[in-house]
Protein backbone atom coordinates (compact mmCIF):
# COMPACT_ATOMS: atom_id res chain seq x y z
CA MET A 1 -0.04 -0.09 0.20
CA THR A 2 1.13 3.57 -0.77
CA TYR A 3 -0.53 6.94 -1.21
CA ILE A 4 -0.78 8.79 -4.19
CA VAL A 5 -0.94 12.15 -5.80
CA LYS A 6 -3.76 12.64 -8.22
CA ASP A 7 -5.44 14.87 -11.11
CA GLU A 8 -7.04 17.36 -8.44
CA CYS A 9 -3.19 18.68 -7.65
CA ILE A 10 -2.42 19.57 -11.20
CA LYS A 11 -2.40 23.11 -11.05
CA CYS A 12 -3.15 23.40 -7.76
CA LYS A 13 0.14 22.52 -6.26
CA LEU A 14 -0.96 23.41 -2.34
CA THR A 15 1.62 21.86 -0.01
CA ASP A 16 0.04 21.59 3.19
CA CYS A 17 0.68 17.44 2.62
CA VAL A 18 4.76 18.10 2.38
CA GLU A 19 5.25 19.77 6.09
CA VAL A 20 3.64 16.96 7.88
CA CYS A 21 5.67 13.82 5.56
CA PRO A 22 7.95 12.19 8.27
CA VAL A 23 10.10 10.41 5.17
CA ASN A 24 9.87 13.95 2.75
CA CYS A 25 8.58 11.61 -0.07
CA PHE A 26 7.11 14.47 -2.31
CA TYR A 27 8.89 15.34 -5.16
CA GLU A 28 7.65 18.77 -7.05
CA GLY A 29 6.63 19.30 -10.60
CA GLU A 30 6.12 22.42 -12.46
CA ASN A 31 2.54 22.08 -11.43
CA MET A 32 1.78 19.02 -9.67
CA LEU A 33 3.29 16.88 -6.51
CA VAL A 34 3.76 13.44 -6.61
CA ILE A 35 4.59 10.62 -4.10
CA ASN A 36 7.54 8.30 -4.06
CA PRO A 37 5.77 4.87 -3.66
CA ASP A 38 9.01 3.49 -2.43
CA GLU A 39 9.61 6.09 -0.09
CA CYS A 40 6.16 6.42 1.49
CA ILE A 41 5.43 4.39 4.63
CA ASP A 42 1.90 4.54 4.26
CA CYS A 43 1.05 6.59 7.84
CA GLY A 44 -1.36 8.77 5.97
CA VAL A 45 -0.93 11.99 7.65
CA CYS A 46 -0.63 13.41 4.49
CA GLU A 47 -3.82 12.61 2.90
CA PRO A 48 -6.47 14.91 5.17
CA GLU A 49 -3.94 17.67 5.18
CA CYS A 50 -4.66 18.15 1.17
CA PRO A 51 -7.55 20.54 1.06
CA ILE A 52 -8.76 19.47 -2.15
CA ASP A 53 -8.69 15.68 -1.54
CA ALA A 54 -5.90 14.94 -4.23
CA ILE A 55 -4.11 12.26 -2.39
CA VAL A 56 -5.30 9.02 -1.76
CA SER A 57 -4.74 5.43 -0.61
CA ASP A 58 -3.87 3.07 -3.88
CA VAL A 59 -6.11 0.65 -1.73
CA ASP A 60 -9.04 2.96 -1.33
CA TYR A 61 -8.93 3.90 -5.37
CA ASN A 62 -10.21 2.04 -8.48
CA LYS A 63 -7.81 -0.44 -10.22
CA GLU A 64 -7.79 1.72 -13.58
CA ASP A 65 -6.75 5.05 -12.19
CA LYS A 66 -4.95 3.67 -9.56
CA ASN A 67 -2.46 1.79 -11.77
CA LYS A 68 -2.28 5.72 -13.73
CA TRP A 69 -1.68 7.15 -10.78
CA LEU A 70 1.15 4.97 -9.16
CA GLU A 71 2.84 4.97 -12.38
CA VAL A 72 2.59 9.01 -12.92
CA ASN A 73 3.94 8.97 -9.12
CA ASP A 74 6.68 6.49 -9.33
CA LYS A 75 8.12 8.03 -12.94
CA TYR A 76 8.15 11.53 -11.71
CA SER A 77 8.99 11.15 -8.10
CA LYS A 78 12.22 9.67 -10.01
CA ILE A 79 13.18 12.67 -12.27
CA TRP A 80 11.56 15.69 -10.22
CA PRO A 81 13.56 17.49 -7.12
CA ASN A 82 12.50 16.57 -3.59
CA ILE A 83 10.39 18.95 -1.58
CA THR A 84 10.66 19.25 2.15
CA LYS A 85 8.69 22.73 2.99
CA LYS A 86 5.54 24.05 2.17
CA LYS A 87 5.34 26.59 -0.70
CA ASP A 88 3.23 29.32 -2.13
CA PRO A 89 0.83 27.23 -4.48
CA TYR A 90 0.25 27.00 -7.68
CA PRO A 91 -0.54 30.43 -9.20
CA GLU A 92 -4.04 31.13 -10.04
CA ASN A 93 -4.87 27.28 -8.23
CA ASP A 94 -8.51 28.61 -7.51
CA LYS A 95 -9.21 28.96 -10.73
CA TYR A 96 -8.46 25.08 -11.27
CA LYS A 97 -9.58 23.75 -8.25
CA ASN A 98 -12.88 22.45 -9.31
CA ILE A 99 -11.67 21.28 -12.99
CA LYS A 100 -11.94 17.49 -13.62
CA ASP A 101 -9.72 15.49 -15.92
CA LYS A 102 -7.04 18.02 -16.07
CA PHE A 103 -4.23 15.32 -16.76
CA GLU A 104 -4.73 15.11 -20.36
CA LYS A 105 -4.63 19.16 -20.68
CA HIS A 106 -2.50 20.48 -18.11
CA PHE A 107 -0.31 18.12 -16.72
CA SER A 108 3.51 19.42 -17.35
CA LYS A 109 6.25 16.75 -17.26
CA ASN A 110 8.72 19.23 -16.10
CA GLY A 111 10.13 19.41 -12.86
CA ALA A 112 10.07 22.67 -10.45
CA LYS A 113 12.15 25.39 -11.40
């Protein structure tokens, strides 16, 4: 079991979750965060900290979406920089909070600058 960051984080990138992670397993992309599934200790403290419900346990998520988001989290946590401190959210994050299916239209493969 691990926790995964999913679609809701894209173009919001709220970092409340980062500060509570005891093992620093969050990685920062240009417009979202991911969790390294190999480093996550499944403690779950990050999940309630996310105000937009972008973090879920892979056990509680449907199989098709779980596989997609596990792959995204695993792949990009290996190439994006680690983040350990809370930062300002993505600019204009309020505008993107309620948009569905952001991955296809708004996901960026770029790491944080």
